[in-house]
N, C-alpha and C. Protein backbone atom coordinates (compact mmCIF):
# COMPACT_ATOMS: atom_id res chain seq x y z
N MET A 1 0.88 -1.19 0.02
CA MET A 1 0.08 -0.08 -0.06
C MET A 1 0.93 1.07 -0.03
N THR A 2 0.92 2.03 -1.01
CA THR A 2 1.60 3.19 -1.12
C THR A 2 0.86 4.37 -1.12
N CYS A 3 1.60 5.53 -0.67
CA CYS A 3 0.79 6.76 -0.54
C CYS A 3 0.95 7.47 -1.85
N ALA A 4 -0.12 8.18 -2.09
CA ALA A 4 -0.07 9.04 -3.35
C ALA A 4 0.85 10.24 -3.04
N PRO A 5 1.64 10.70 -4.08
CA PRO A 5 2.71 11.69 -3.87
C PRO A 5 1.89 13.06 -3.76
N ILE A 6 2.64 14.02 -2.82
CA ILE A 6 1.95 15.18 -2.41
C ILE A 6 2.14 16.20 -3.42
N SER A 7 1.07 16.76 -3.69
CA SER A 7 1.03 17.82 -4.72
C SER A 7 1.28 19.25 -4.10
N TYR A 8 2.14 19.95 -4.51
CA TYR A 8 2.52 21.30 -4.13
C TYR A 8 2.05 22.46 -5.14
N LYS A 9 1.17 22.03 -6.09
CA LYS A 9 0.73 22.94 -7.07
C LYS A 9 -0.04 24.18 -6.33
N ARG A 10 0.17 25.36 -6.90
CA ARG A 10 -0.35 26.41 -6.51
C ARG A 10 0.13 27.06 -5.14
N HIS A 11 1.42 26.60 -4.78
CA HIS A 11 2.01 26.89 -3.60
C HIS A 11 3.33 27.82 -4.13
N ARG A 12 3.33 28.99 -3.56
CA ARG A 12 4.51 29.70 -4.19
C ARG A 12 5.94 29.39 -3.45
N PHE A 13 5.92 28.74 -2.30
CA PHE A 13 7.02 28.27 -1.51
C PHE A 13 7.26 26.88 -2.02
N LEU A 14 8.66 26.69 -1.72
CA LEU A 14 9.29 25.30 -2.15
C LEU A 14 8.82 24.26 -1.25
N PRO A 15 8.75 22.93 -1.85
CA PRO A 15 8.05 21.93 -0.91
C PRO A 15 9.09 21.66 0.32
N GLU A 16 10.38 21.93 0.21
CA GLU A 16 11.10 21.85 1.48
C GLU A 16 10.90 22.73 2.53
N ILE A 17 10.41 24.03 2.07
CA ILE A 17 9.98 25.10 3.23
C ILE A 17 8.78 24.68 3.91
N ILE A 18 7.80 24.07 2.92
CA ILE A 18 6.50 23.68 3.59
C ILE A 18 6.60 22.48 4.47
N ALA A 19 7.57 21.56 4.09
CA ALA A 19 7.68 20.39 4.96
C ALA A 19 8.37 20.82 6.21
N HIS A 20 9.38 21.88 6.00
CA HIS A 20 10.07 22.32 7.29
C HIS A 20 9.16 23.03 8.24
N VAL A 21 8.35 23.87 7.72
CA VAL A 21 7.38 24.59 8.59
C VAL A 21 6.42 23.69 9.29
N VAL A 22 5.90 22.47 8.71
CA VAL A 22 4.97 21.73 9.21
C VAL A 22 5.61 20.86 10.32
N TRP A 23 6.71 20.48 9.94
CA TRP A 23 7.71 19.70 10.96
C TRP A 23 7.89 20.51 12.19
N LEU A 24 8.40 21.78 12.04
CA LEU A 24 8.61 22.72 13.17
C LEU A 24 7.39 22.74 14.13
N TYR A 25 6.24 23.03 13.43
CA TYR A 25 4.99 23.13 14.15
C TYR A 25 4.57 21.92 14.99
N HIS A 26 4.53 20.84 14.40
CA HIS A 26 4.28 19.61 15.04
C HIS A 26 5.22 18.80 15.88
N ARG A 27 6.56 19.07 15.60
CA ARG A 27 7.45 18.47 16.31
C ARG A 27 7.83 19.00 17.56
N PHE A 28 7.75 20.38 17.63
CA PHE A 28 8.16 21.05 18.90
C PHE A 28 7.22 21.70 19.57
N SER A 29 5.95 21.50 19.28
CA SER A 29 4.71 22.05 19.94
C SER A 29 4.93 23.54 20.11
N LEU A 30 5.34 24.29 19.04
CA LEU A 30 5.43 25.68 19.00
C LEU A 30 3.93 26.17 18.53
N SER A 31 3.77 27.39 18.85
CA SER A 31 2.56 28.03 18.48
C SER A 31 2.79 28.72 17.09
N LEU A 32 1.68 28.89 16.32
CA LEU A 32 1.85 29.31 14.99
C LEU A 32 2.57 30.48 14.86
N ARG A 33 2.41 31.47 15.93
CA ARG A 33 2.90 32.69 15.85
C ARG A 33 4.60 32.48 16.05
N GLU A 34 4.93 31.54 16.92
CA GLU A 34 6.38 31.22 17.15
C GLU A 34 7.12 30.71 15.86
N VAL A 35 6.30 29.96 15.22
CA VAL A 35 6.84 29.47 13.88
C VAL A 35 7.12 30.55 13.07
N GLU A 36 6.09 31.49 13.01
CA GLU A 36 6.02 32.55 11.97
C GLU A 36 7.37 33.44 12.44
N GLU A 37 7.70 33.65 13.61
CA GLU A 37 8.77 34.62 14.04
C GLU A 37 10.07 33.81 13.66
N MET A 38 10.19 32.40 13.85
CA MET A 38 11.46 31.79 13.58
C MET A 38 11.67 31.90 12.07
N LEU A 39 10.67 31.82 11.25
CA LEU A 39 10.92 31.90 9.86
C LEU A 39 11.10 33.36 9.48
N LEU A 40 10.57 34.28 10.08
CA LEU A 40 10.92 35.72 9.81
C LEU A 40 12.46 36.05 10.08
N GLU A 41 12.93 35.47 11.16
CA GLU A 41 14.33 35.59 11.44
C GLU A 41 15.32 34.93 10.27
N ARG A 42 14.82 34.06 9.55
CA ARG A 42 15.59 33.41 8.55
C ARG A 42 15.22 34.13 7.28
N GLY A 43 14.26 35.06 7.20
CA GLY A 43 14.07 35.74 6.09
C GLY A 43 13.00 35.32 5.10
N ILE A 44 11.99 34.50 5.77
CA ILE A 44 10.80 33.95 5.05
C ILE A 44 9.60 34.63 5.87
N THR A 45 8.96 35.25 4.90
CA THR A 45 7.64 36.08 5.39
C THR A 45 6.55 35.17 5.10
N LEU A 46 5.88 34.72 6.23
CA LEU A 46 4.69 34.01 6.19
C LEU A 46 3.72 34.46 7.14
N SER A 47 2.35 34.25 7.05
CA SER A 47 1.50 34.61 8.08
C SER A 47 1.03 33.28 8.88
N TYR A 48 0.71 33.45 10.11
CA TYR A 48 0.46 32.49 10.92
C TYR A 48 -0.69 31.36 10.44
N GLU A 49 -1.63 32.12 9.58
CA GLU A 49 -2.84 31.55 9.13
C GLU A 49 -2.11 30.54 7.95
N THR A 50 -1.25 30.88 7.17
CA THR A 50 -0.67 30.01 6.13
C THR A 50 -0.17 28.78 6.78
N ILE A 51 0.54 28.96 7.93
CA ILE A 51 1.20 27.82 8.70
C ILE A 51 0.14 26.91 9.08
N ARG A 52 -0.97 27.41 9.69
CA ARG A 52 -2.11 26.74 10.10
C ARG A 52 -2.75 25.70 9.05
N LYS A 53 -2.92 26.51 7.80
CA LYS A 53 -3.50 25.87 6.65
C LYS A 53 -2.63 24.64 6.14
N TRP A 54 -1.38 24.92 6.28
CA TRP A 54 -0.32 23.85 5.71
C TRP A 54 -0.43 22.70 6.68
N GLY A 55 -0.46 23.11 8.04
CA GLY A 55 -0.63 21.91 9.00
C GLY A 55 -1.81 21.02 8.84
N ILE A 56 -2.80 21.60 8.33
CA ILE A 56 -4.12 20.92 8.26
C ILE A 56 -4.04 20.22 6.89
N LYS A 57 -3.52 20.74 5.92
CA LYS A 57 -3.45 20.12 4.60
C LYS A 57 -2.28 19.10 4.51
N PHE A 58 -1.11 19.35 4.96
CA PHE A 58 -0.03 18.49 4.75
C PHE A 58 0.20 17.40 5.93
N GLY A 59 -0.14 17.99 7.10
CA GLY A 59 0.20 17.16 8.48
C GLY A 59 -0.16 15.70 8.32
N PRO A 60 -1.50 15.40 7.97
CA PRO A 60 -1.91 13.90 7.85
C PRO A 60 -1.13 13.16 6.84
N THR A 61 -0.88 13.87 5.86
CA THR A 61 -0.04 13.14 4.75
C THR A 61 1.36 12.83 5.17
N TYR A 62 2.05 13.79 5.85
CA TYR A 62 3.42 13.52 6.31
C TYR A 62 3.30 12.31 7.34
N THR A 63 2.24 12.53 8.14
CA THR A 63 2.16 11.35 9.36
C THR A 63 2.14 10.05 8.58
N ARG A 64 1.33 9.86 7.71
CA ARG A 64 1.02 8.58 7.00
C ARG A 64 2.39 8.06 6.48
N GLN A 65 3.12 9.01 5.85
CA GLN A 65 4.51 8.51 5.29
C GLN A 65 5.50 8.36 6.40
N LEU A 66 5.30 8.85 7.54
CA LEU A 66 6.34 8.43 8.70
C LEU A 66 5.97 7.16 9.39
N ARG A 67 4.75 6.67 9.14
CA ARG A 67 4.43 5.50 9.90
C ARG A 67 5.45 4.45 9.82
N ARG A 68 5.61 3.60 10.73
CA ARG A 68 6.65 2.62 10.65
C ARG A 68 6.36 1.57 9.63
N LYS A 69 7.41 1.17 9.04
CA LYS A 69 7.21 0.26 7.95
C LYS A 69 6.90 -1.15 8.48
N ARG A 70 6.25 -1.96 7.57
CA ARG A 70 5.67 -3.16 7.99
C ARG A 70 6.90 -4.18 8.17
N ALA A 71 6.78 -5.09 9.29
CA ALA A 71 7.92 -5.96 9.61
C ALA A 71 8.04 -7.10 8.41
N GLN A 72 9.30 -7.52 8.27
CA GLN A 72 9.59 -8.51 7.25
C GLN A 72 10.30 -9.51 7.92
N SER A 73 10.25 -10.81 7.33
CA SER A 73 10.98 -11.90 7.96
C SER A 73 12.55 -11.90 7.73
N SER A 74 12.89 -10.94 6.84
CA SER A 74 14.30 -10.77 6.63
C SER A 74 15.01 -9.63 7.56
N ASP A 75 14.26 -9.28 8.35
CA ASP A 75 14.78 -8.11 9.24
C ASP A 75 15.80 -8.70 10.28
N ILE A 76 16.62 -7.80 10.82
CA ILE A 76 17.57 -7.99 11.82
C ILE A 76 17.14 -7.06 12.96
N TRP A 77 17.12 -7.58 14.06
CA TRP A 77 16.67 -6.97 15.35
C TRP A 77 18.00 -6.81 16.26
N TYR A 78 18.25 -5.63 16.69
CA TYR A 78 19.40 -5.25 17.59
C TYR A 78 18.87 -5.14 19.01
N LEU A 79 19.08 -5.80 19.92
CA LEU A 79 18.55 -5.67 21.22
C LEU A 79 19.50 -5.24 22.31
N ASP A 80 19.17 -4.37 23.21
CA ASP A 80 20.13 -3.94 24.12
C ASP A 80 19.40 -3.42 25.36
N GLU A 81 20.08 -3.38 26.61
CA GLU A 81 19.44 -2.75 27.71
C GLU A 81 20.45 -1.86 28.41
N VAL A 82 19.99 -0.76 29.02
CA VAL A 82 20.82 0.15 29.65
C VAL A 82 20.28 0.40 31.19
N VAL A 83 21.25 0.78 31.90
CA VAL A 83 20.75 1.19 33.41
C VAL A 83 20.42 2.63 33.45
N ILE A 84 19.35 2.93 33.98
CA ILE A 84 19.14 4.40 34.16
C ILE A 84 18.54 4.39 35.71
N LYS A 85 18.66 5.72 36.32
CA LYS A 85 18.32 5.93 37.54
C LYS A 85 17.05 6.78 37.40
N ILE A 86 15.89 6.51 38.20
CA ILE A 86 14.85 7.38 38.30
C ILE A 86 14.58 7.46 39.78
N GLN A 87 14.64 8.55 40.30
CA GLN A 87 14.34 8.90 41.75
C GLN A 87 15.21 7.96 42.62
N ASN A 88 16.58 8.06 42.17
CA ASN A 88 17.60 7.03 42.98
C ASN A 88 17.18 5.43 43.04
N GLN A 89 16.46 4.98 42.11
CA GLN A 89 16.27 3.61 41.92
C GLN A 89 16.50 3.16 40.54
N ARG A 90 17.24 2.07 40.47
CA ARG A 90 17.89 1.54 39.19
C ARG A 90 16.75 0.76 38.55
N TYR A 91 16.75 1.17 37.16
CA TYR A 91 15.78 0.45 36.24
C TYR A 91 16.54 0.21 35.02
N TYR A 92 16.09 -0.71 34.32
CA TYR A 92 16.66 -1.24 33.05
C TYR A 92 15.87 -0.95 31.82
N LEU A 93 16.31 0.00 31.01
CA LEU A 93 15.57 0.23 29.67
C LEU A 93 15.97 -0.70 28.62
N TRP A 94 15.00 -1.72 28.30
CA TRP A 94 15.30 -2.55 27.23
C TRP A 94 14.77 -2.07 25.93
N ARG A 95 15.64 -2.17 24.85
CA ARG A 95 15.23 -1.51 23.55
C ARG A 95 15.48 -2.57 22.55
N ALA A 96 14.60 -2.40 21.56
CA ALA A 96 14.88 -3.16 20.28
C ALA A 96 14.73 -2.30 18.89
N VAL A 97 15.69 -2.37 18.16
CA VAL A 97 15.91 -1.54 17.05
C VAL A 97 16.02 -2.36 15.71
N ASP A 98 15.56 -2.07 14.74
CA ASP A 98 15.80 -2.89 13.42
C ASP A 98 16.94 -2.32 12.56
N GLN A 99 17.26 -3.02 11.49
CA GLN A 99 18.59 -2.72 10.81
C GLN A 99 18.54 -1.30 10.16
N ASP A 100 17.40 -0.69 10.11
CA ASP A 100 17.21 0.50 9.51
C ASP A 100 17.12 1.70 10.54
N GLY A 101 17.24 1.32 11.85
CA GLY A 101 17.24 2.37 12.99
C GLY A 101 15.94 2.86 13.63
N TYR A 102 14.89 1.87 13.10
CA TYR A 102 13.55 2.17 13.73
C TYR A 102 13.43 1.45 15.00
N ILE A 103 13.01 2.27 15.98
CA ILE A 103 12.77 1.57 17.49
C ILE A 103 11.62 0.79 17.11
N LEU A 104 11.77 -0.37 17.55
CA LEU A 104 10.58 -1.33 17.50
C LEU A 104 9.75 -1.39 18.72
N ASP A 105 10.56 -1.45 19.87
CA ASP A 105 9.95 -1.38 21.29
C ASP A 105 10.80 -0.97 22.28
N GLU A 106 10.26 -0.50 23.38
CA GLU A 106 11.03 -0.26 24.59
C GLU A 106 10.18 -0.53 25.75
N ILE A 107 10.98 -1.09 26.82
CA ILE A 107 10.34 -1.51 27.94
C ILE A 107 11.35 -1.24 29.18
N LEU A 108 10.64 -0.53 30.24
CA LEU A 108 11.39 -0.20 31.35
C LEU A 108 11.12 -1.43 32.47
N GLN A 109 11.98 -1.92 33.06
CA GLN A 109 12.04 -3.04 33.93
C GLN A 109 12.80 -2.61 35.18
N LYS A 110 12.51 -3.27 36.40
CA LYS A 110 13.27 -3.23 37.39
C LYS A 110 14.31 -4.29 37.44
N ARG A 111 14.26 -5.26 36.78
CA ARG A 111 15.16 -6.67 36.75
C ARG A 111 15.82 -6.59 35.49
N ARG A 112 16.92 -7.38 35.41
CA ARG A 112 17.67 -7.61 34.28
C ARG A 112 17.94 -9.28 34.21
N ASN A 113 16.72 -9.97 33.91
CA ASN A 113 16.78 -11.25 33.88
C ASN A 113 16.03 -11.87 32.76
N THR A 114 15.93 -13.15 32.86
CA THR A 114 15.34 -13.89 31.53
C THR A 114 13.83 -13.53 31.42
N LYS A 115 13.20 -13.31 32.52
CA LYS A 115 11.73 -13.04 32.43
C LYS A 115 11.54 -11.63 31.80
N ALA A 116 12.46 -10.62 32.08
CA ALA A 116 12.40 -9.43 31.49
C ALA A 116 12.62 -9.46 30.04
N ALA A 117 13.64 -10.20 29.64
CA ALA A 117 14.04 -10.36 28.20
C ALA A 117 12.90 -11.27 27.39
N ARG A 118 12.27 -12.03 28.15
CA ARG A 118 11.35 -12.81 27.52
C ARG A 118 9.86 -11.97 27.17
N ARG A 119 9.79 -10.97 28.26
CA ARG A 119 8.80 -10.19 27.95
C ARG A 119 8.98 -9.05 26.74
N LEU A 120 10.13 -8.72 26.76
CA LEU A 120 10.48 -7.89 25.50
C LEU A 120 10.28 -8.68 24.33
N LEU A 121 10.80 -9.86 24.16
CA LEU A 121 10.57 -10.69 22.93
C LEU A 121 9.17 -10.93 22.62
N THR A 122 8.26 -11.31 23.68
CA THR A 122 6.99 -11.61 23.28
C THR A 122 6.35 -10.38 22.76
N ARG A 123 6.51 -9.13 23.62
CA ARG A 123 5.83 -8.02 22.96
C ARG A 123 6.31 -7.75 21.64
N LEU A 124 7.51 -7.72 21.31
CA LEU A 124 8.14 -7.56 19.98
C LEU A 124 7.34 -8.38 19.02
N LEU A 125 7.40 -9.74 19.15
CA LEU A 125 6.67 -10.64 18.31
C LEU A 125 5.20 -10.38 18.14
N SER A 126 4.37 -9.90 19.22
CA SER A 126 3.09 -9.68 18.97
C SER A 126 2.80 -8.38 18.16
N LYS A 127 3.72 -7.42 18.51
CA LYS A 127 3.57 -6.09 17.60
C LYS A 127 3.99 -6.30 16.30
N GLN A 128 5.05 -6.98 16.03
CA GLN A 128 5.50 -6.96 14.52
C GLN A 128 4.80 -8.00 13.77
N GLY A 129 4.51 -9.05 14.48
CA GLY A 129 3.70 -10.22 13.79
C GLY A 129 4.63 -11.17 13.06
N VAL A 130 5.90 -10.92 12.87
CA VAL A 130 6.87 -11.66 12.03
C VAL A 130 8.24 -11.75 12.94
N ALA A 131 8.76 -12.98 13.10
CA ALA A 131 10.03 -13.13 13.65
C ALA A 131 11.02 -12.49 12.77
N PRO A 132 12.13 -12.09 13.24
CA PRO A 132 13.36 -11.72 12.36
C PRO A 132 14.06 -12.80 11.88
N LYS A 133 14.88 -12.42 10.85
CA LYS A 133 15.73 -13.36 10.41
C LYS A 133 17.06 -13.76 11.36
N ARG A 134 17.47 -12.61 11.94
CA ARG A 134 18.62 -12.63 13.07
C ARG A 134 18.23 -11.60 14.09
N MET A 135 19.02 -11.99 15.11
CA MET A 135 18.81 -11.14 16.33
C MET A 135 20.17 -10.85 17.02
N ILE A 136 20.54 -9.58 17.11
CA ILE A 136 21.95 -9.44 17.42
C ILE A 136 21.88 -8.76 18.83
N THR A 137 22.48 -9.30 19.71
CA THR A 137 22.57 -8.92 21.16
C THR A 137 23.86 -8.80 21.80
N ASP A 138 24.05 -8.20 23.07
CA ASP A 138 25.24 -8.46 23.66
C ASP A 138 25.50 -9.68 24.46
N LYS A 139 26.28 -9.93 25.08
CA LYS A 139 26.64 -11.37 25.87
C LYS A 139 25.67 -11.59 27.00
N LEU A 140 24.74 -10.86 27.16
CA LEU A 140 23.78 -11.18 28.40
C LEU A 140 23.18 -12.38 28.02
N GLY A 141 23.28 -13.40 29.11
CA GLY A 141 22.66 -14.60 29.00
C GLY A 141 21.15 -14.80 28.97
N SER A 142 20.59 -13.69 29.51
CA SER A 142 19.11 -13.68 29.54
C SER A 142 18.50 -13.71 28.22
N TYR A 143 19.16 -12.98 27.18
CA TYR A 143 18.67 -13.04 25.76
C TYR A 143 18.55 -14.54 25.43
N ARG A 144 19.80 -15.22 25.56
CA ARG A 144 19.91 -16.56 25.10
C ARG A 144 18.77 -17.38 25.37
N ALA A 145 18.56 -17.30 26.92
CA ALA A 145 17.54 -18.18 27.34
C ALA A 145 16.01 -17.83 27.04
N ALA A 146 15.80 -16.48 26.83
CA ALA A 146 14.48 -15.99 26.33
C ALA A 146 14.26 -16.41 24.84
N LYS A 147 15.35 -16.20 24.19
CA LYS A 147 15.25 -16.63 22.68
C LYS A 147 14.92 -18.00 22.48
N ARG A 148 15.58 -19.08 23.34
CA ARG A 148 15.22 -20.40 23.25
C ARG A 148 13.73 -20.74 23.52
N LYS A 149 13.05 -20.03 24.38
CA LYS A 149 11.64 -20.23 24.70
C LYS A 149 10.80 -19.52 23.76
N VAL A 150 11.01 -18.32 23.34
CA VAL A 150 10.09 -17.57 22.46
C VAL A 150 10.35 -17.76 21.02
N MET A 151 11.56 -17.57 20.53
CA MET A 151 11.92 -17.73 19.16
C MET A 151 13.16 -18.66 18.84
N PRO A 152 12.81 -20.06 18.92
CA PRO A 152 13.99 -20.91 18.87
C PRO A 152 14.60 -20.92 17.50
N ALA A 153 13.85 -20.61 16.34
CA ALA A 153 14.13 -20.72 14.95
C ALA A 153 15.11 -19.50 14.60
N VAL A 154 15.17 -18.44 15.33
CA VAL A 154 15.78 -17.26 14.89
C VAL A 154 17.25 -17.27 15.21
N GLU A 155 17.98 -17.08 14.03
CA GLU A 155 19.56 -17.11 14.30
C GLU A 155 20.04 -16.10 15.11
N ARG A 156 21.11 -16.46 16.22
CA ARG A 156 21.57 -15.37 16.94
C ARG A 156 23.13 -15.66 16.69
N PRO A 157 23.81 -14.79 16.09
CA PRO A 157 25.13 -14.86 15.68
C PRO A 157 25.93 -14.86 17.02
N CYS A 158 27.13 -15.68 17.01
CA CYS A 158 28.06 -15.68 18.18
C CYS A 158 28.79 -14.29 18.37
N CYS A 159 28.74 -13.75 19.61
CA CYS A 159 29.38 -12.45 19.91
C CYS A 159 30.94 -12.82 20.00
N ARG A 160 31.74 -11.83 19.89
CA ARG A 160 33.18 -11.97 20.31
C ARG A 160 33.35 -12.49 21.61
N GLY A 161 34.42 -13.29 21.74
CA GLY A 161 34.73 -13.95 23.04
C GLY A 161 33.81 -14.96 23.36
N ARG A 162 33.62 -15.32 24.58
CA ARG A 162 32.93 -16.28 25.27
C ARG A 162 31.40 -16.15 25.02
N GLU A 163 30.46 -17.01 24.56
CA GLU A 163 29.16 -16.95 24.34
C GLU A 163 28.45 -17.55 25.53
């Protein structure tokens, strides 16, 4: 399912400027007048009403184009966890990214064990609907145990050193 190309006919500004204005407005939660002032500093004179109309007209189309791509069985998933402190308590942020850099899922857990890794893998499998071709992780043994239970057919290449 492909999106129809965006038509910029009857717009006197370049498509790059229109896309940048809509991105500024929606990405940084700026008011219409703040976006207007930012563009005025760069020498682009627009009214806030034009920015509003562009947001209504082009915003949904840009959003559809930015939606995450469909998962494929040839994908490679990179899994990692990192320690973060929230109110002086240790938490582990588990994250999965595909080969194109799209964040597939993130989970915040108190523990760094097989149960937490298995929860990440089952959530990934239910969200994506398709198991990856390969799964690349660090040397944490929890991934190996969780993969054995959730996705035994997925290839997990050996890391450097002892596995």
